[in-house]
């Protein structure tokens, strides 16, 4: 087990000295205020799946919507990370451009990893 520290805080943990080892990176807490949630609202497209998903805010919650009235609520898990009960547990990790604006997300579900969705105007 090996910790990496920065400014007195653990920022990374590696378990296992030999391959394969597991690496864990510290993340910030979930942001749940209205302004924080509004940053995720928009339309996203996956070329791999040829599908579009909309993220909308209803009150203090975020919902993902697909065509034909399919929607599910997102539960904040960590900074820029959300989960939902969709065919088991599905995770969505939003990404940000250099200017700090949300520019897309990666979906993790049922063995599919890092399926990229790009924010569209």
Protein backbone atom coordinates (compact mmCIF):
# COMPACT_ATOMS: atom_id res chain seq x y z
CA UNK A 1 0.00 0.00 0.00
CA UNK A 2 1.34 3.42 -0.99
CA UNK A 3 -0.10 6.90 -0.33
CA UNK A 4 0.72 9.99 -2.36
CA UNK A 5 0.33 13.22 -0.44
CA UNK A 6 0.00 16.83 -1.54
CA UNK A 7 -0.20 19.77 0.84
CA UNK A 8 -0.46 17.39 3.78
CA UNK A 9 -3.44 15.44 2.40
CA UNK A 10 -3.61 11.98 0.88
CA UNK A 11 -4.51 12.40 -2.81
CA UNK A 12 -3.82 8.91 -4.11
CA UNK A 13 -3.67 5.34 -2.79
CA UNK A 14 -2.15 2.37 -4.59
CA UNK A 15 -2.91 -1.13 -3.31
CA UNK A 16 -0.67 -4.01 -4.28
CA UNK A 17 3.04 -3.84 -4.93
CA UNK A 18 2.95 -6.09 -7.98
CA UNK A 19 0.86 -5.91 -11.13
CA UNK A 20 -2.06 -5.80 -11.18
CA UNK A 21 -2.32 -3.09 -8.56
CA UNK A 22 -5.31 -0.87 -7.85
CA UNK A 23 -5.04 2.92 -7.89
CA UNK A 24 -7.53 5.16 -6.10
CA UNK A 25 -7.59 8.95 -6.52
CA UNK A 26 -9.14 11.30 -3.98
CA UNK A 27 -12.12 13.31 -5.25
CA UNK A 28 -14.00 16.21 -3.78
CA UNK A 29 -17.48 16.01 -2.28
CA UNK A 30 -20.61 16.20 -4.42
CA UNK A 31 -21.84 19.68 -5.28
CA UNK A 32 -25.58 19.85 -4.74
CA UNK A 33 -26.57 23.53 -4.70
CA UNK A 34 -28.88 24.92 -7.39
CA UNK A 35 -26.07 26.80 -9.16
CA UNK A 36 -23.81 23.73 -9.09
CA UNK A 37 -26.53 21.50 -10.58
CA UNK A 38 -27.39 24.03 -13.28
CA UNK A 39 -23.84 23.65 -14.65
CA UNK A 40 -24.74 20.11 -15.85
CA UNK A 41 -27.99 21.04 -17.62
CA UNK A 42 -27.78 20.57 -21.39
CA UNK A 43 -27.90 18.20 -24.32
CA UNK A 44 -25.24 15.50 -24.75
CA UNK A 45 -24.48 13.19 -27.69
CA UNK A 46 -22.63 9.87 -27.97
CA UNK A 47 -21.26 9.07 -31.43
CA UNK A 48 -20.53 5.52 -30.25
CA UNK A 49 -24.19 4.91 -29.36
CA UNK A 50 -25.64 7.44 -31.83
CA UNK A 51 -27.93 8.74 -29.11
CA UNK A 52 -28.71 12.01 -27.41
CA UNK A 53 -29.44 12.49 -23.69
CA UNK A 54 -30.74 15.67 -22.07
CA UNK A 55 -29.91 16.64 -18.51
CA UNK A 56 -32.54 18.83 -16.85
CA UNK A 57 -32.94 20.26 -13.38
CA UNK A 58 -36.23 19.90 -11.55
CA UNK A 59 -36.09 21.67 -8.21
CA UNK A 60 -33.06 20.37 -6.35
CA UNK A 61 -32.65 17.28 -8.53
CA UNK A 62 -31.04 16.42 -11.87
CA UNK A 63 -32.81 14.16 -14.33
CA UNK A 64 -31.49 12.52 -17.47
CA UNK A 65 -33.97 12.16 -20.31
CA UNK A 66 -33.90 10.16 -23.50
CA UNK A 67 -36.44 10.30 -26.32
CA UNK A 68 -39.75 8.54 -25.80
CA UNK A 69 -40.23 9.76 -22.19
CA UNK A 70 -37.47 7.67 -20.62
CA UNK A 71 -35.96 9.46 -17.64
CA UNK A 72 -34.08 8.73 -14.46
CA UNK A 73 -32.96 10.82 -11.48
CA UNK A 74 -29.26 11.29 -10.76
CA UNK A 75 -27.91 10.99 -7.22
CA UNK A 76 -24.76 13.04 -6.50
CA UNK A 77 -21.86 10.79 -5.42
CA UNK A 78 -18.75 12.99 -5.59
CA UNK A 79 -17.56 16.12 -7.42
CA UNK A 80 -18.87 15.79 -11.01
CA UNK A 81 -19.98 12.19 -10.35
CA UNK A 82 -23.54 10.85 -10.19
CA UNK A 83 -25.21 7.44 -10.02
CA UNK A 84 -28.65 6.10 -10.83
CA UNK A 85 -30.48 2.80 -10.73
CA UNK A 86 -30.58 1.99 -14.44
CA UNK A 87 -30.03 -1.67 -15.29
CA UNK A 88 -28.17 -2.00 -12.00
CA UNK A 89 -26.08 0.92 -10.86
CA UNK A 90 -24.96 3.27 -13.62
CA UNK A 91 -22.37 5.98 -13.01
CA UNK A 92 -21.92 9.23 -14.90
CA UNK A 93 -18.72 11.23 -14.48
CA UNK A 94 -18.92 14.71 -16.00
CA UNK A 95 -15.83 16.29 -17.51
CA UNK A 96 -14.84 19.93 -17.73
CA UNK A 97 -13.01 21.99 -20.32
CA UNK A 98 -9.98 24.09 -19.36
CA UNK A 99 -12.29 27.02 -18.60
CA UNK A 100 -14.14 24.93 -16.00
CA UNK A 101 -17.35 24.53 -18.01
CA UNK A 102 -18.95 21.08 -18.23
CA UNK A 103 -18.16 19.70 -21.71
CA UNK A 104 -19.45 16.13 -21.50
CA UNK A 105 -19.61 12.98 -19.43
CA UNK A 106 -18.57 9.34 -19.42
CA UNK A 107 -21.09 6.59 -18.64
CA UNK A 108 -20.19 3.39 -16.79
CA UNK A 109 -22.83 0.61 -16.83
CA UNK A 110 -23.12 -3.17 -17.09
CA UNK A 111 -19.58 -3.82 -18.24
CA UNK A 112 -19.50 -0.81 -20.58
CA UNK A 113 -16.82 1.59 -19.44
CA UNK A 114 -16.16 5.21 -20.27
CA UNK A 115 -18.83 5.64 -22.98
CA UNK A 116 -18.29 9.27 -23.95
CA UNK A 117 -21.06 11.86 -24.39
CA UNK A 118 -20.16 15.34 -25.65
CA UNK A 119 -22.14 18.45 -24.75
CA UNK A 120 -23.95 19.93 -27.76
CA UNK A 121 -25.37 23.43 -28.20
